[in-house]
Protein backbone atom coordinates (compact mmCIF):
# COMPACT_ATOMS: atom_id res chain seq x y z
CA MET A 1 3.30 -33.19 34.23
CA SER A 2 0.77 -31.40 34.30
CA ALA A 3 -0.25 -29.44 37.91
CA PRO A 4 -3.40 -31.06 39.52
CA GLY A 5 -5.87 -29.39 41.84
CA PHE A 6 -6.80 -26.76 39.99
CA SER A 7 -10.39 -24.97 40.75
CA VAL A 8 -13.38 -23.96 39.03
CA ALA A 9 -12.01 -20.42 39.27
CA ASP A 10 -9.16 -21.63 37.52
CA HIS A 11 -10.99 -23.25 34.62
CA ALA A 12 -13.54 -20.05 34.32
CA HIS A 13 -10.50 -18.23 33.86
CA MET A 14 -8.80 -20.18 31.68
CA ALA A 15 -11.81 -20.37 29.68
CA ARG A 16 -11.79 -16.88 29.05
CA ALA A 17 -8.45 -16.88 27.95
CA LEU A 18 -9.31 -19.25 25.31
CA ARG A 19 -11.76 -17.15 23.78
CA LEU A 20 -9.27 -14.02 23.85
CA ALA A 21 -7.07 -16.35 22.04
CA GLU A 22 -8.94 -17.09 19.44
CA ARG A 23 -9.78 -13.68 18.34
CA GLY A 24 -5.80 -14.09 16.72
CA ALA A 25 -6.98 -16.48 14.47
CA TRP A 26 -6.95 -14.83 11.41
CA THR A 27 -3.91 -12.51 11.95
CA THR A 28 -1.52 -14.40 13.89
CA ARG A 29 0.58 -17.21 12.11
CA PRO A 30 2.91 -18.28 11.68
CA ASN A 31 2.67 -18.16 15.24
CA PRO A 32 0.32 -19.44 17.92
CA MET A 33 -3.10 -18.27 19.02
CA VAL A 34 -2.40 -16.99 22.68
CA GLY A 35 -4.12 -15.52 25.28
CA CYS A 36 -3.42 -14.36 29.03
CA VAL A 37 -6.03 -13.03 31.64
CA LEU A 38 -4.59 -11.99 35.30
CA VAL A 39 -6.58 -12.30 38.32
CA ARG A 40 -5.61 -10.65 41.64
CA ASP A 41 -7.79 -11.18 44.99
CA GLY A 42 -10.53 -12.91 42.57
CA GLU A 43 -10.83 -9.87 40.11
CA VAL A 44 -9.32 -9.86 36.54
CA VAL A 45 -7.05 -6.64 36.68
CA GLY A 46 -6.08 -7.32 32.93
CA GLU A 47 -6.59 -9.14 29.72
CA GLY A 48 -4.78 -9.34 26.08
CA TRP A 49 -4.12 -11.56 23.10
CA HIS A 50 -1.38 -12.16 20.91
CA GLN A 51 -3.04 -10.40 18.10
CA ARG A 52 -0.55 -10.38 15.00
CA LYS A 53 2.99 -11.36 14.28
CA GLY A 54 5.59 -9.60 15.25
CA GLY A 55 3.48 -7.56 17.82
CA PRO A 56 2.99 -7.77 21.23
CA HIS A 57 2.34 -10.99 23.06
CA ALA A 58 -0.91 -11.84 25.04
CA GLU A 59 0.84 -11.53 28.15
CA VAL A 60 2.60 -7.84 27.68
CA PHE A 61 -1.20 -6.93 26.71
CA ALA A 62 -2.40 -8.12 29.99
CA LEU A 63 0.38 -6.86 31.95
CA ARG A 64 -0.23 -3.20 30.47
CA ALA A 65 -3.82 -3.28 31.10
CA ALA A 66 -3.16 -4.29 34.82
CA GLY A 67 -0.34 -1.82 35.83
CA ASP A 68 0.63 -2.05 39.19
CA ARG A 69 -2.23 -4.29 39.90
CA ALA A 70 -0.23 -7.27 38.30
CA ARG A 71 2.07 -7.88 41.19
CA GLY A 72 0.89 -10.74 43.45
CA ALA A 73 -1.54 -11.74 40.60
CA THR A 74 -2.13 -15.15 38.68
CA ALA A 75 -1.58 -15.08 35.30
CA TYR A 76 -4.01 -17.71 33.26
CA VAL A 77 -2.24 -18.33 29.80
CA THR A 78 -3.30 -20.85 27.16
CA LEU A 79 0.18 -21.56 26.13
CA GLU A 80 3.57 -21.82 28.16
CA PRO A 81 5.47 -18.01 28.31
CA CYS A 82 8.28 -17.58 25.86
CA ALA A 83 11.83 -17.82 27.54
CA HIS A 84 13.58 -16.48 24.26
CA THR A 85 14.40 -13.02 22.09
CA GLY A 86 11.97 -13.30 18.91
CA SER A 87 10.47 -10.28 17.36
CA THR A 88 9.62 -9.53 21.31
CA GLY A 89 11.34 -9.87 24.66
CA PRO A 90 10.33 -13.27 27.12
CA CYS A 91 7.82 -13.16 28.05
CA ALA A 92 8.59 -14.94 31.01
CA ASP A 93 11.17 -12.17 32.34
CA ALA A 94 7.76 -9.58 31.70
CA LEU A 95 5.71 -11.64 34.43
CA LEU A 96 8.48 -11.99 36.72
CA GLU A 97 9.20 -7.91 36.31
CA ALA A 98 5.85 -7.37 36.85
CA GLY A 99 5.55 -9.43 40.39
CA VAL A 100 3.00 -12.18 38.70
CA ALA A 101 2.52 -15.00 41.70
CA ARG A 102 1.58 -17.74 39.87
CA VAL A 103 1.30 -18.67 36.44
CA VAL A 104 -1.14 -21.04 35.22
CA ALA A 105 -0.75 -22.36 31.43
CA ALA A 106 -3.31 -24.52 29.35
CA MET A 107 0.11 -26.60 27.90
CA ARG A 108 3.51 -26.57 27.51
CA ASP A 109 5.14 -24.74 24.13
CA PRO A 110 7.18 -27.71 21.74
CA PHE A 111 8.66 -24.41 20.20
CA PRO A 112 12.29 -25.94 20.58
CA GLN A 113 13.57 -22.48 22.19
CA VAL A 114 10.69 -22.80 24.33
CA ASP A 115 9.58 -26.33 25.47
CA GLY A 116 9.97 -25.91 29.04
CA ALA A 117 12.29 -23.40 29.29
CA GLY A 118 9.72 -20.62 30.41
CA PHE A 119 8.38 -22.42 33.39
CA GLU A 120 12.16 -23.59 34.88
CA ARG A 121 12.52 -19.70 34.46
CA LEU A 122 9.39 -18.76 36.31
CA ARG A 123 10.01 -21.86 39.13
CA ALA A 124 13.69 -20.76 39.36
CA ALA A 125 12.34 -16.90 40.16
CA GLY A 126 10.14 -18.63 42.83
CA VAL A 127 7.17 -18.36 40.59
CA GLU A 128 4.06 -21.16 41.04
CA VAL A 129 3.67 -22.60 38.13
CA GLY A 130 0.86 -24.85 37.15
CA TRP A 131 -0.09 -26.10 33.75
CA GLY A 132 -2.07 -28.78 32.17
CA LEU A 133 -5.04 -26.77 32.71
CA MET A 134 -7.71 -27.46 29.46
CA GLU A 135 -5.04 -28.68 27.27
CA VAL A 136 -7.26 -30.64 25.31
CA GLN A 137 -9.23 -27.35 24.23
CA ALA A 138 -5.38 -25.61 24.06
CA ARG A 139 -3.93 -27.95 21.51
CA ALA A 140 -7.30 -27.72 19.31
CA LEU A 141 -7.24 -24.18 19.16
CA ASN A 142 -3.34 -24.32 17.62
CA ARG A 143 -3.65 -27.72 16.11
CA GLY A 144 -1.75 -26.42 12.79
CA TYR A 145 1.09 -24.86 15.25
CA LEU A 146 1.18 -27.95 16.72
CA SER A 147 1.36 -30.27 13.74
CA ARG A 148 3.70 -28.24 12.15
CA LEU A 149 6.34 -28.49 15.34
CA GLU A 150 5.42 -31.94 16.05
CA ARG A 151 4.72 -34.06 13.04
CA GLY A 152 6.52 -31.91 10.53
CA ARG A 153 4.02 -31.08 8.63
CA PRO A 154 0.45 -28.80 8.95
CA TRP A 155 -2.97 -29.75 9.46
CA LEU A 156 -4.73 -30.92 6.43
CA ARG A 157 -8.23 -29.57 5.75
CA VAL A 158 -10.22 -30.83 2.49
CA LYS A 159 -13.18 -28.74 2.10
CA LEU A 160 -15.86 -29.93 0.16
CA ALA A 161 -19.38 -28.75 -1.01
CA CYS A 162 -21.72 -31.69 -2.38
CA SER A 163 -25.54 -32.53 -3.04
CA LEU A 164 -27.65 -34.60 -0.95
CA ASP A 165 -26.59 -38.15 -3.27
CA GLY A 166 -22.60 -36.94 -2.56
CA ARG A 167 -22.34 -35.26 -5.65
CA THR A 168 -20.15 -32.40 -6.40
CA ALA A 169 -20.42 -30.87 -9.55
CA MET A 170 -22.25 -31.57 -13.21
CA ALA A 171 -20.35 -34.11 -15.19
CA ASP A 172 -19.42 -31.02 -17.72
CA GLY A 173 -17.89 -29.67 -14.46
CA ASP A 174 -20.14 -27.22 -14.05
CA SER A 175 -19.93 -26.65 -9.52
CA LYS A 176 -21.76 -23.11 -9.13
CA TRP A 177 -23.41 -23.06 -7.12
CA ILE A 178 -24.69 -26.20 -4.64
CA SER A 179 -24.13 -24.28 -1.34
CA GLY A 180 -25.98 -21.53 -0.50
CA PRO A 181 -24.61 -18.44 0.37
CA ALA A 182 -24.79 -18.89 4.08
CA SER A 183 -22.13 -21.73 3.21
CA ARG A 184 -19.82 -19.49 0.98
CA ALA A 185 -19.17 -17.08 3.55
CA ASP A 186 -18.82 -19.26 6.32
CA VAL A 187 -15.91 -20.86 4.07
CA MET A 188 -14.11 -17.46 4.08
CA ARG A 189 -14.24 -17.79 7.75
CA TRP A 190 -12.29 -20.98 7.81
CA ARG A 191 -10.12 -19.68 4.86
CA ALA A 192 -8.71 -16.59 7.25
CA ARG A 193 -7.41 -18.90 9.63
CA SER A 194 -5.45 -21.14 6.83
CA GLY A 195 -2.18 -20.60 6.08
CA ALA A 196 -2.59 -21.99 2.30
CA ILE A 197 -5.19 -22.75 0.49
CA LEU A 198 -4.01 -25.40 -1.87
CA THR A 199 -6.04 -26.64 -4.95
CA GLY A 200 -4.56 -28.70 -8.40
CA ARG A 201 -4.79 -27.64 -12.30
CA GLY A 202 -8.07 -29.24 -13.24
CA THR A 203 -9.49 -26.56 -10.98
CA VAL A 204 -7.38 -23.54 -11.79
CA LEU A 205 -8.25 -24.60 -15.70
CA ALA A 206 -11.92 -24.95 -15.46
CA ASP A 207 -12.77 -22.12 -12.57
CA ASP A 208 -9.61 -19.73 -12.70
CA PRO A 209 -10.45 -19.17 -9.49
CA ALA A 210 -9.31 -16.36 -6.82
CA LEU A 211 -8.93 -18.30 -3.67
CA THR A 212 -8.90 -15.49 -1.60
CA VAL A 213 -10.40 -14.47 1.32
CA ARG A 214 -13.24 -12.25 1.02
CA LEU A 215 -14.31 -11.11 4.27
CA ALA A 216 -16.17 -7.41 5.93
CA PRO A 217 -13.34 -4.64 4.97
CA GLU A 218 -13.00 -3.91 8.70
CA ALA A 219 -12.00 -7.37 9.67
CA PRO A 220 -8.29 -7.91 9.85
CA CYS A 221 -6.75 -11.17 7.73
CA VAL A 222 -3.44 -11.99 6.57
CA PRO A 223 -4.04 -13.45 3.25
CA PRO A 224 -3.36 -17.17 3.14
CA LEU A 225 -0.60 -18.40 0.68
CA ARG A 226 -2.22 -19.81 -2.59
CA VAL A 227 -0.70 -22.84 -3.42
CA VAL A 228 -1.24 -24.51 -6.73
CA LEU A 229 -0.32 -28.64 -7.76
CA ASP A 230 0.16 -28.43 -11.08
CA ALA A 231 3.34 -31.14 -12.37
CA GLY A 232 3.58 -29.49 -15.67
CA LEU A 233 2.65 -25.92 -15.02
CA ALA A 234 -0.48 -25.49 -17.43
CA SER A 235 -2.62 -23.57 -15.20
CA LEU A 236 0.00 -20.83 -15.46
CA ALA A 237 -2.37 -20.09 -18.33
CA ARG A 238 -5.13 -18.60 -15.64
CA GLU A 239 -4.23 -15.53 -14.50
CA ARG A 240 -6.58 -14.88 -11.54
CA VAL A 241 -4.87 -17.02 -9.18
CA ARG A 242 -1.69 -15.25 -9.51
CA ASP A 243 -2.73 -12.10 -9.15
CA ALA A 244 -1.48 -9.34 -6.64
CA SER A 245 -4.35 -9.99 -4.37
CA ALA A 246 -2.06 -12.58 -2.11
CA PRO A 247 1.11 -14.71 -2.66
CA THR A 248 1.05 -17.35 -4.51
CA LEU A 249 3.47 -20.67 -4.77
CA TYR A 250 3.58 -23.13 -7.54
CA LEU A 251 4.43 -26.90 -6.82
CA HIS A 252 5.58 -28.92 -10.14
CA ALA A 253 7.38 -31.58 -11.08
CA GLU A 254 11.24 -31.37 -11.77
CA GLY A 255 12.09 -30.26 -15.10
CA ALA A 256 9.13 -28.18 -15.59
CA VAL A 257 9.93 -25.13 -17.47
CA LEU A 258 8.45 -21.32 -16.74
CA PRO A 259 6.87 -19.94 -19.76
CA ASP A 260 9.29 -16.85 -20.89
CA GLY A 261 8.28 -13.84 -19.16
CA VAL A 262 6.30 -15.34 -16.27
CA VAL A 263 7.95 -14.71 -12.79
CA VAL A 264 6.16 -16.51 -9.92
CA ASP A 265 7.02 -18.39 -7.02
CA HIS A 266 7.53 -21.67 -7.74
CA ALA A 267 9.19 -25.28 -6.51
CA ALA A 268 10.06 -28.58 -7.74
CA LEU A 269 8.57 -31.54 -6.06
CA PRO A 270 9.86 -35.41 -6.54
CA CYS A 271 6.81 -37.54 -8.14
CA ARG A 272 5.53 -40.71 -6.12
CA ASP A 273 2.68 -42.89 -7.12
CA GLY A 274 2.01 -41.37 -10.52
CA GLY A 275 1.74 -37.73 -9.43
CA LEU A 276 3.33 -34.78 -7.46
CA ASP A 277 4.74 -36.46 -3.69
CA LEU A 278 2.05 -34.95 -1.23
CA HIS A 279 4.19 -35.76 1.78
CA ALA A 280 6.95 -33.61 0.27
CA ALA A 281 4.40 -30.84 -0.54
CA LEU A 282 3.43 -30.82 3.01
CA ALA A 283 7.32 -30.88 4.36
CA LEU A 284 7.80 -27.56 2.20
CA LEU A 285 4.73 -25.83 3.38
CA ALA A 286 5.50 -26.69 6.85
CA ALA A 287 9.33 -25.49 6.09
CA ARG A 288 7.61 -22.41 5.04
CA GLY A 289 5.97 -22.01 8.22
CA ILE A 290 2.19 -22.91 7.01
CA GLY A 291 0.25 -24.56 9.90
CA GLU A 292 -3.18 -24.94 8.26
CA VAL A 293 -3.54 -26.06 4.89
CA GLN A 294 -7.29 -25.89 3.63
CA VAL A 295 -7.79 -28.22 0.40
CA GLU A 296 -10.34 -27.19 -2.43
CA ALA A 297 -10.43 -29.11 -5.38
CA GLY A 298 -11.75 -31.60 -7.48
CA PRO A 299 -12.85 -35.18 -6.52
CA VAL A 300 -9.42 -36.83 -8.38
CA LEU A 301 -6.86 -34.23 -5.54
CA SER A 302 -9.00 -34.64 -2.88
CA GLY A 303 -8.92 -38.49 -3.19
CA ALA A 304 -5.39 -38.48 -3.82
CA TRP A 305 -5.04 -36.71 -0.20
CA LEU A 306 -7.40 -39.18 1.31
CA ARG A 307 -5.79 -42.17 -0.05
CA ALA A 308 -2.24 -40.94 1.23
CA GLY A 309 -3.39 -40.70 4.48
CA LEU A 310 -2.74 -37.30 4.72
CA VAL A 311 -6.30 -35.79 5.63
CA ASP A 312 -7.27 -34.64 8.99
CA GLU A 313 -10.37 -33.35 8.74
CA LEU A 314 -12.88 -32.90 5.87
CA LEU A 315 -15.26 -29.78 6.05
CA LEU A 316 -18.24 -30.74 4.07
CA TYR A 317 -20.97 -28.24 3.26
CA MET A 318 -24.06 -30.73 1.75
CA ALA A 319 -26.95 -28.74 0.38
CA PRO A 320 -30.66 -29.96 0.06
CA VAL A 321 -30.33 -30.60 -3.72
CA LEU A 322 -29.78 -33.93 -6.18
CA LEU A 323 -27.64 -33.60 -8.89
CA GLY A 324 -28.17 -37.37 -10.35
CA GLU A 325 -26.40 -40.35 -11.48
CA ARG A 326 -24.17 -38.29 -13.94
CA ALA A 327 -23.13 -35.89 -11.77
CA ARG A 328 -19.41 -35.96 -10.45
CA PRO A 329 -18.56 -37.94 -7.20
CA LEU A 330 -16.98 -36.34 -3.88
CA PHE A 331 -13.36 -38.61 -4.03
CA ASP A 332 -12.02 -40.23 -7.18
CA GLY A 333 -9.54 -43.50 -6.96
CA LEU A 334 -10.14 -44.58 -3.41
CA GLY A 335 -9.87 -47.87 -5.20
CA ILE A 336 -12.88 -49.24 -2.61
CA ASP A 337 -14.00 -52.57 -3.86
CA ALA A 338 -15.86 -54.00 -0.57
CA MET A 339 -17.14 -53.31 2.63
CA THR A 340 -14.54 -53.92 4.53
CA ASP A 341 -12.04 -51.97 2.93
CA ARG A 342 -14.54 -48.82 3.66
CA PHE A 343 -13.11 -45.65 4.90
CA GLY A 344 -13.96 -44.83 8.34
CA LEU A 345 -15.06 -41.35 9.40
CA ARG A 346 -16.17 -39.66 12.73
CA VAL A 347 -18.47 -36.76 13.19
CA VAL A 348 -16.75 -34.28 14.90
CA GLU A 349 -19.39 -31.77 14.46
CA THR A 350 -22.68 -30.84 12.60
CA ARG A 351 -23.89 -27.23 12.05
CA ARG A 352 -26.77 -25.63 10.20
CA ILE A 353 -25.57 -23.08 7.94
CA GLY A 354 -28.27 -21.42 6.14
CA ASP A 355 -30.00 -24.25 4.50
CA ASP A 356 -27.21 -26.66 4.85
CA LEU A 357 -25.64 -28.78 6.98
CA ARG A 358 -22.25 -28.42 7.73
CA TRP A 359 -20.33 -31.58 8.65
CA ARG A 360 -16.62 -31.70 10.56
CA LEU A 361 -14.97 -35.27 10.12
CA ARG A 362 -12.17 -36.96 10.71
CA PRO A 363 -10.80 -40.49 10.23
CA ALA A 364 -12.02 -42.44 12.91
CA ALA A 365 -8.47 -43.00 14.25
CA GLU A 366 -7.92 -39.56 14.54
CA ALA A 367 -11.32 -38.58 15.99
CA SER A 368 -9.80 -37.47 18.99
CA ALA A 369 -7.44 -34.67 18.25
């Protein structure tokens, strides 16, 4: 159980730790984002966050900043301190060696090699431990990491841009550009926090997209994996999506054959409901350490994810334009014939992005996540 009785100051310091953690959103995967704040006698004596996979954890940076002032301090950390040796040593041991007197964590770490062991090690050494402070916010921050560990599949976000009348492209497939430049820049930031950007054969053949993150040169970012769902590998005819700017994985049907001379990362999937097994695709990506997947595809593949019940979130950019009844819809294949069969969504956030409106929506049953 989480410990009760956190003070106003506890909340303020944990809120700061969560803001620090978010700075690692583009560089830590597949590791979680973690922030740490050290406080002694009401004064912040050290701060840190996990900056990149394989590098020091948040607690280590905060302890380095605090030095001797860490002795007797309270450590506010957004995730349970690790108790195992991976790329770095156990953070629980580092806190003990520094003489920290109290640890307040936002949440327990479900990673099998931690999962309460960090708390147990600290308590056994006489450190006061409390957890559960701002847990909802901490879980939201690391929803991809938690989804991979707890559900065995990544968090799936479908990104779409549409007109006011809900159309995503003209009848001939032309979709450049429905949304404005501010929205397109915003999409890059969502790509940057994704472990993978996924599309389908049709989008690759029609648009020849790069599916890369394009940010300011000084912005650090680990390139997301590009994933192409293509049963027969027809999209290998387009080379831009498999250039050297980011890794690419092709997921295809069993029996599909690579053309002579083509070398790509690929894996076979079983078929289900007339197409590639989407559940198996997500399980495969989770096994590769992918926590968040951003789907950028046409109405057929987007509709397939929704129909399969695998969409966790919609990221929808609505532009102040009209495309008319002959233009393409947001989703194909939902098979909704009656009002009682409608697909319920809950608004999580709305925000003005340039001239467009950005909606974040989740299936009604998942809206509290």
